[in-house]
Amino acid sequence: MSFVSEFKSFAMKGNVVDMAVGIIIGAAFGKIVASLVKDIIMPPIGMLVGGVNFSELAYVMQEAQGDIAAVTINYGLFIQSIVDFMIVAFAIFMAIKVMNSLKKKEEAAPAAPAAPSTEVVLLTEIRDLLKR
């Protein structure tokens, strides 16, 4: 089997395609959450704590000198990233919780036992006849 045909059979499996769709949707969801945090959640929080713009919070390690930019530790952006992560983690937790509850419902209703095969029925009858 050639490398190309082996890769094609791998890429066309259902799990790989499902994973790719999940990654694309996850990336889009991450961008939406980042915008939600940056544009909607953090401004009111900043206003409540005294008019702070979190995206501008930084510790200056070295001031800018001429053409050299300042060296800063942008802890405000880090705080926004933590809030982003918490929202995404909570959404994933809720999705997994829903999937697990649906899975438990499937497991709770056990399937009826399969009827015995004709050979088993005949052997049972023969055994019963021999016992008599």
N, C-alpha and C. Protein backbone atom coordinates (compact mmCIF):
# COMPACT_ATOMS: atom_id res chain seq x y z
N MET A 1 0.85 -1.17 0.00
CA MET A 1 0.00 0.00 0.00
C MET A 1 0.90 1.23 0.00
N SER A 2 0.64 2.14 -0.90
CA SER A 2 1.48 3.33 -1.00
C SER A 2 1.17 4.29 0.13
N PHE A 3 2.09 5.20 0.36
CA PHE A 3 1.96 6.18 1.43
C PHE A 3 0.71 7.03 1.23
N VAL A 4 0.47 7.45 -0.02
CA VAL A 4 -0.67 8.33 -0.32
C VAL A 4 -1.99 7.60 -0.07
N SER A 5 -2.10 6.36 -0.54
CA SER A 5 -3.36 5.64 -0.33
C SER A 5 -3.56 5.30 1.14
N GLU A 6 -2.48 5.03 1.87
CA GLU A 6 -2.60 4.76 3.30
C GLU A 6 -3.06 6.02 4.04
N PHE A 7 -2.49 7.17 3.66
CA PHE A 7 -2.92 8.43 4.28
C PHE A 7 -4.37 8.73 3.94
N LYS A 8 -4.78 8.47 2.70
CA LYS A 8 -6.16 8.73 2.29
C LYS A 8 -7.13 7.88 3.09
N SER A 9 -6.82 6.60 3.29
CA SER A 9 -7.72 5.74 4.07
C SER A 9 -7.76 6.19 5.53
N PHE A 10 -6.64 6.67 6.06
CA PHE A 10 -6.62 7.18 7.43
C PHE A 10 -7.45 8.45 7.55
N ALA A 11 -7.27 9.38 6.60
CA ALA A 11 -7.94 10.68 6.68
C ALA A 11 -9.44 10.58 6.47
N MET A 12 -9.90 9.56 5.78
CA MET A 12 -11.32 9.44 5.50
C MET A 12 -12.09 8.65 6.56
N LYS A 13 -11.40 8.18 7.58
CA LYS A 13 -12.09 7.49 8.67
C LYS A 13 -12.97 8.50 9.40
N GLY A 14 -14.06 8.03 9.92
CA GLY A 14 -15.02 8.91 10.59
C GLY A 14 -14.44 9.65 11.77
N ASN A 15 -13.61 8.99 12.58
CA ASN A 15 -13.07 9.63 13.77
C ASN A 15 -12.18 10.82 13.42
N VAL A 16 -11.40 10.69 12.37
CA VAL A 16 -10.49 11.78 11.99
C VAL A 16 -11.30 12.99 11.50
N VAL A 17 -12.31 12.73 10.71
CA VAL A 17 -13.14 13.82 10.20
C VAL A 17 -13.89 14.49 11.36
N ASP A 18 -14.43 13.69 12.28
CA ASP A 18 -15.12 14.24 13.44
C ASP A 18 -14.16 15.09 14.28
N MET A 19 -12.93 14.60 14.45
CA MET A 19 -11.95 15.34 15.23
C MET A 19 -11.61 16.68 14.55
N ALA A 20 -11.47 16.66 13.24
CA ALA A 20 -11.16 17.90 12.51
C ALA A 20 -12.29 18.92 12.66
N VAL A 21 -13.52 18.46 12.55
CA VAL A 21 -14.67 19.35 12.72
C VAL A 21 -14.68 19.91 14.14
N GLY A 22 -14.40 19.06 15.12
CA GLY A 22 -14.35 19.51 16.51
C GLY A 22 -13.28 20.56 16.75
N ILE A 23 -12.12 20.38 16.13
CA ILE A 23 -11.03 21.35 16.29
C ILE A 23 -11.40 22.69 15.68
N ILE A 24 -12.03 22.66 14.51
CA ILE A 24 -12.42 23.90 13.85
C ILE A 24 -13.48 24.63 14.66
N ILE A 25 -14.48 23.90 15.14
CA ILE A 25 -15.52 24.51 15.95
C ILE A 25 -14.93 25.02 17.27
N GLY A 26 -14.00 24.25 17.85
CA GLY A 26 -13.36 24.69 19.09
C GLY A 26 -12.57 25.97 18.92
N ALA A 27 -11.86 26.10 17.79
CA ALA A 27 -11.11 27.33 17.53
C ALA A 27 -12.05 28.52 17.39
N ALA A 28 -13.14 28.32 16.69
CA ALA A 28 -14.11 29.41 16.54
C ALA A 28 -14.73 29.76 17.89
N PHE A 29 -15.04 28.74 18.69
CA PHE A 29 -15.61 28.97 20.01
C PHE A 29 -14.63 29.74 20.88
N GLY A 30 -13.34 29.41 20.77
CA GLY A 30 -12.32 30.12 21.54
C GLY A 30 -12.25 31.59 21.18
N LYS A 31 -12.39 31.89 19.90
CA LYS A 31 -12.37 33.30 19.48
C LYS A 31 -13.59 34.04 20.01
N ILE A 32 -14.73 33.38 19.99
CA ILE A 32 -15.96 34.01 20.51
C ILE A 32 -15.81 34.28 22.00
N VAL A 33 -15.29 33.31 22.74
CA VAL A 33 -15.11 33.50 24.18
C VAL A 33 -14.09 34.60 24.45
N ALA A 34 -13.01 34.64 23.68
CA ALA A 34 -12.01 35.69 23.87
C ALA A 34 -12.62 37.08 23.66
N SER A 35 -13.45 37.21 22.65
CA SER A 35 -14.12 38.49 22.40
C SER A 35 -15.11 38.79 23.52
N LEU A 36 -15.84 37.77 23.98
CA LEU A 36 -16.79 37.97 25.08
C LEU A 36 -16.08 38.50 26.31
N VAL A 37 -14.96 37.89 26.65
CA VAL A 37 -14.22 38.32 27.83
C VAL A 37 -13.64 39.71 27.64
N LYS A 38 -12.96 39.93 26.51
CA LYS A 38 -12.27 41.21 26.26
C LYS A 38 -13.25 42.37 26.13
N ASP A 39 -14.34 42.17 25.39
CA ASP A 39 -15.21 43.28 25.03
C ASP A 39 -16.44 43.44 25.91
N ILE A 40 -16.85 42.37 26.61
CA ILE A 40 -18.10 42.45 27.37
C ILE A 40 -17.90 42.24 28.86
N ILE A 41 -17.09 41.25 29.25
CA ILE A 41 -16.96 40.93 30.68
C ILE A 41 -15.94 41.83 31.38
N MET A 42 -14.77 42.01 30.79
CA MET A 42 -13.70 42.74 31.48
C MET A 42 -13.97 44.24 31.64
N PRO A 43 -14.59 44.94 30.68
CA PRO A 43 -14.85 46.38 30.92
C PRO A 43 -15.70 46.67 32.16
N PRO A 44 -16.82 45.94 32.38
CA PRO A 44 -17.55 46.22 33.63
C PRO A 44 -16.76 45.86 34.89
N ILE A 45 -15.98 44.76 34.83
CA ILE A 45 -15.16 44.40 35.99
C ILE A 45 -14.12 45.49 36.23
N GLY A 46 -13.51 45.97 35.16
CA GLY A 46 -12.54 47.07 35.30
C GLY A 46 -13.17 48.31 35.87
N MET A 47 -14.40 48.62 35.46
CA MET A 47 -15.10 49.79 35.98
C MET A 47 -15.40 49.61 37.47
N LEU A 48 -15.78 48.38 37.86
CA LEU A 48 -16.09 48.13 39.27
C LEU A 48 -14.87 48.25 40.17
N VAL A 49 -13.69 47.93 39.67
CA VAL A 49 -12.49 48.00 40.50
C VAL A 49 -11.75 49.32 40.33
N GLY A 50 -12.41 50.33 39.80
CA GLY A 50 -11.82 51.66 39.77
C GLY A 50 -11.39 52.14 38.40
N GLY A 51 -12.08 51.74 37.36
CA GLY A 51 -11.77 52.24 36.02
C GLY A 51 -10.51 51.65 35.43
N VAL A 52 -10.22 50.42 35.73
CA VAL A 52 -9.00 49.76 35.24
C VAL A 52 -9.28 49.13 33.88
N ASN A 53 -8.38 49.35 32.92
CA ASN A 53 -8.43 48.66 31.64
C ASN A 53 -7.43 47.51 31.72
N PHE A 54 -7.94 46.28 31.82
CA PHE A 54 -7.07 45.13 32.05
C PHE A 54 -6.05 44.92 30.93
N SER A 55 -6.41 45.27 29.71
CA SER A 55 -5.47 45.06 28.61
C SER A 55 -4.26 45.99 28.70
N GLU A 56 -4.35 47.05 29.51
CA GLU A 56 -3.24 47.98 29.66
C GLU A 56 -2.43 47.75 30.94
N LEU A 57 -2.86 46.81 31.78
CA LEU A 57 -2.12 46.54 33.01
C LEU A 57 -0.81 45.84 32.67
N ALA A 58 0.29 46.44 33.09
CA ALA A 58 1.59 45.85 32.79
C ALA A 58 2.61 46.37 33.79
N TYR A 59 3.63 45.54 34.00
CA TYR A 59 4.76 45.94 34.82
C TYR A 59 5.90 46.26 33.87
N VAL A 60 6.39 47.49 33.94
CA VAL A 60 7.46 47.93 33.02
C VAL A 60 8.80 47.54 33.63
N MET A 61 9.50 46.66 32.93
CA MET A 61 10.83 46.23 33.39
C MET A 61 11.92 47.18 32.89
N GLN A 62 11.72 47.69 31.68
CA GLN A 62 12.68 48.64 31.12
C GLN A 62 11.89 49.63 30.26
N GLU A 63 12.09 50.90 30.51
CA GLU A 63 11.41 51.94 29.75
C GLU A 63 11.88 51.93 28.29
N ALA A 64 11.02 52.46 27.42
CA ALA A 64 11.38 52.58 26.01
C ALA A 64 12.50 53.60 25.85
N GLN A 65 13.45 53.30 24.99
CA GLN A 65 14.57 54.21 24.74
C GLN A 65 14.77 54.36 23.24
N GLY A 66 14.37 55.49 22.71
CA GLY A 66 14.53 55.74 21.28
C GLY A 66 13.69 54.76 20.46
N ASP A 67 14.36 53.97 19.62
CA ASP A 67 13.66 53.01 18.76
C ASP A 67 13.39 51.69 19.47
N ILE A 68 13.94 51.50 20.64
CA ILE A 68 13.77 50.25 21.39
C ILE A 68 12.49 50.33 22.20
N ALA A 69 11.63 49.34 22.00
CA ALA A 69 10.34 49.32 22.72
C ALA A 69 10.57 48.97 24.18
N ALA A 70 9.59 49.34 25.00
CA ALA A 70 9.68 49.04 26.42
C ALA A 70 9.54 47.53 26.64
N VAL A 71 10.18 47.03 27.68
CA VAL A 71 10.06 45.63 28.07
C VAL A 71 9.06 45.58 29.21
N THR A 72 7.93 44.87 28.97
CA THR A 72 6.86 44.85 29.97
C THR A 72 6.39 43.42 30.23
N ILE A 73 5.84 43.24 31.40
CA ILE A 73 5.12 42.00 31.74
C ILE A 73 3.65 42.37 31.75
N ASN A 74 2.90 41.86 30.78
CA ASN A 74 1.50 42.24 30.58
C ASN A 74 0.58 41.34 31.40
N TYR A 75 0.51 41.59 32.69
CA TYR A 75 -0.29 40.73 33.55
C TYR A 75 -1.80 40.95 33.37
N GLY A 76 -2.20 42.07 32.85
CA GLY A 76 -3.63 42.30 32.58
C GLY A 76 -4.13 41.37 31.48
N LEU A 77 -3.34 41.21 30.43
CA LEU A 77 -3.71 40.27 29.36
C LEU A 77 -3.71 38.84 29.88
N PHE A 78 -2.80 38.55 30.81
CA PHE A 78 -2.76 37.22 31.42
C PHE A 78 -4.04 36.96 32.21
N ILE A 79 -4.52 37.96 32.94
CA ILE A 79 -5.78 37.82 33.69
C ILE A 79 -6.93 37.56 32.72
N GLN A 80 -6.96 38.27 31.59
CA GLN A 80 -8.00 38.03 30.58
C GLN A 80 -7.92 36.61 30.04
N SER A 81 -6.71 36.11 29.82
CA SER A 81 -6.54 34.74 29.32
C SER A 81 -7.04 33.72 30.34
N ILE A 82 -6.83 33.99 31.61
CA ILE A 82 -7.33 33.08 32.65
C ILE A 82 -8.85 33.06 32.63
N VAL A 83 -9.48 34.21 32.49
CA VAL A 83 -10.94 34.26 32.43
C VAL A 83 -11.43 33.53 31.18
N ASP A 84 -10.75 33.71 30.04
CA ASP A 84 -11.08 32.97 28.81
C ASP A 84 -11.06 31.47 29.08
N PHE A 85 -9.96 31.02 29.68
CA PHE A 85 -9.80 29.59 29.95
C PHE A 85 -10.90 29.07 30.85
N MET A 86 -11.25 29.81 31.89
CA MET A 86 -12.28 29.36 32.82
C MET A 86 -13.63 29.19 32.11
N ILE A 87 -13.96 30.11 31.22
CA ILE A 87 -15.23 30.01 30.49
C ILE A 87 -15.21 28.82 29.55
N VAL A 88 -14.12 28.63 28.80
CA VAL A 88 -14.02 27.50 27.88
C VAL A 88 -14.04 26.18 28.66
N ALA A 89 -13.29 26.12 29.76
CA ALA A 89 -13.26 24.89 30.56
C ALA A 89 -14.64 24.57 31.12
N PHE A 90 -15.38 25.59 31.57
CA PHE A 90 -16.72 25.36 32.09
C PHE A 90 -17.65 24.87 30.98
N ALA A 91 -17.55 25.45 29.79
CA ALA A 91 -18.40 25.01 28.68
C ALA A 91 -18.09 23.56 28.29
N ILE A 92 -16.81 23.20 28.26
CA ILE A 92 -16.45 21.81 27.94
C ILE A 92 -16.94 20.88 29.04
N PHE A 93 -16.79 21.28 30.30
CA PHE A 93 -17.29 20.48 31.41
C PHE A 93 -18.78 20.22 31.28
N MET A 94 -19.54 21.26 30.95
CA MET A 94 -20.99 21.09 30.81
C MET A 94 -21.33 20.17 29.64
N ALA A 95 -20.61 20.30 28.52
CA ALA A 95 -20.86 19.44 27.37
C ALA A 95 -20.58 17.98 27.71
N ILE A 96 -19.48 17.73 28.41
CA ILE A 96 -19.15 16.35 28.79
C ILE A 96 -20.15 15.82 29.80
N LYS A 97 -20.61 16.67 30.70
CA LYS A 97 -21.60 16.25 31.68
C LYS A 97 -22.90 15.83 30.98
N VAL A 98 -23.31 16.59 29.97
CA VAL A 98 -24.52 16.24 29.21
C VAL A 98 -24.32 14.92 28.46
N MET A 99 -23.15 14.76 27.83
CA MET A 99 -22.88 13.52 27.09
C MET A 99 -22.86 12.32 28.02
N ASN A 100 -22.28 12.47 29.22
CA ASN A 100 -22.25 11.37 30.17
C ASN A 100 -23.65 11.02 30.67
N SER A 101 -24.50 12.02 30.88
CA SER A 101 -25.86 11.72 31.34
C SER A 101 -26.65 11.01 30.24
N LEU A 102 -26.41 11.38 28.98
CA LEU A 102 -27.08 10.67 27.88
C LEU A 102 -26.57 9.24 27.78
N LYS A 103 -25.29 9.06 28.02
CA LYS A 103 -24.69 7.72 27.97
C LYS A 103 -25.24 6.85 29.09
N LYS A 104 -25.43 7.43 30.28
CA LYS A 104 -25.98 6.67 31.41
C LYS A 104 -27.41 6.24 31.13
N LYS A 105 -28.19 7.09 30.43
CA LYS A 105 -29.56 6.71 30.09
C LYS A 105 -29.58 5.52 29.16
N GLU A 106 -28.62 5.47 28.22
CA GLU A 106 -28.53 4.32 27.31
C GLU A 106 -28.18 3.06 28.08
N GLU A 107 -27.25 3.18 29.04
CA GLU A 107 -26.82 2.01 29.81
C GLU A 107 -27.90 1.58 30.79
N ALA A 108 -28.74 2.49 31.26
CA ALA A 108 -29.77 2.16 32.25
C ALA A 108 -30.83 1.24 31.68
N ALA A 109 -31.12 1.35 30.40
CA ALA A 109 -32.14 0.50 29.79
C ALA A 109 -31.45 -0.69 29.13
N PRO A 110 -31.28 -1.80 29.89
CA PRO A 110 -30.59 -2.94 29.30
C PRO A 110 -31.45 -3.59 28.21
N ALA A 111 -30.78 -4.10 27.23
CA ALA A 111 -31.48 -4.77 26.14
C ALA A 111 -32.03 -6.11 26.63
N ALA A 112 -33.14 -6.51 26.05
CA ALA A 112 -33.73 -7.80 26.40
C ALA A 112 -32.75 -8.90 25.98
N PRO A 113 -32.66 -9.96 26.80
CA PRO A 113 -31.73 -11.02 26.44
C PRO A 113 -32.14 -11.67 25.13
N ALA A 114 -31.15 -12.05 24.37
CA ALA A 114 -31.43 -12.66 23.08
C ALA A 114 -32.06 -14.03 23.28
N ALA A 115 -32.97 -14.38 22.38
CA ALA A 115 -33.61 -15.69 22.45
C ALA A 115 -32.57 -16.76 22.14
N PRO A 116 -32.67 -17.89 22.81
CA PRO A 116 -31.69 -18.95 22.56
C PRO A 116 -31.82 -19.47 21.13
N SER A 117 -30.69 -19.92 20.60
CA SER A 117 -30.70 -20.44 19.24
C SER A 117 -31.48 -21.76 19.18
N THR A 118 -31.81 -22.17 17.97
CA THR A 118 -32.59 -23.41 17.81
C THR A 118 -31.81 -24.62 18.32
N GLU A 119 -30.48 -24.60 18.17
CA GLU A 119 -29.68 -25.72 18.68
C GLU A 119 -29.79 -25.82 20.20
N VAL A 120 -29.74 -24.68 20.87
CA VAL A 120 -29.83 -24.69 22.33
C VAL A 120 -31.20 -25.18 22.76
N VAL A 121 -32.24 -24.76 22.08
CA VAL A 121 -33.59 -25.20 22.42
C VAL A 121 -33.71 -26.72 22.24
N LEU A 122 -33.18 -27.23 21.11
CA LEU A 122 -33.25 -28.67 20.86
C LEU A 122 -32.43 -29.45 21.89
N LEU A 123 -31.26 -28.99 22.21
CA LEU A 123 -30.43 -29.67 23.21
C LEU A 123 -31.09 -29.65 24.58
N THR A 124 -31.76 -28.56 24.92
CA THR A 124 -32.47 -28.48 26.19
C THR A 124 -33.60 -29.50 26.23
N GLU A 125 -34.33 -29.62 25.12
CA GLU A 125 -35.42 -30.61 25.06
C GLU A 125 -34.88 -32.02 25.18
N ILE A 126 -33.77 -32.30 24.50
CA ILE A 126 -33.17 -33.64 24.58
C ILE A 126 -32.71 -33.93 26.01
N ARG A 127 -32.10 -32.97 26.66
CA ARG A 127 -31.66 -33.15 28.05
C ARG A 127 -32.84 -33.45 28.95
N ASP A 128 -33.94 -32.69 28.78
CA ASP A 128 -35.11 -32.90 29.60
C ASP A 128 -35.72 -34.28 29.37
N LEU A 129 -35.71 -34.73 28.09
CA LEU A 129 -36.23 -36.05 27.78
C LEU A 129 -35.37 -37.15 28.40
N LEU A 130 -34.06 -36.95 28.38
CA LEU A 130 -33.16 -37.94 28.97
C LEU A 130 -33.29 -38.00 30.48
N LYS A 131 -33.61 -36.90 31.11
CA LYS A 131 -33.79 -36.89 32.55
C LYS A 131 -35.02 -37.72 32.95
N ARG A 132 -36.02 -37.71 32.10
CA ARG A 132 -37.25 -38.45 32.40
C ARG A 132 -36.96 -39.90 32.22
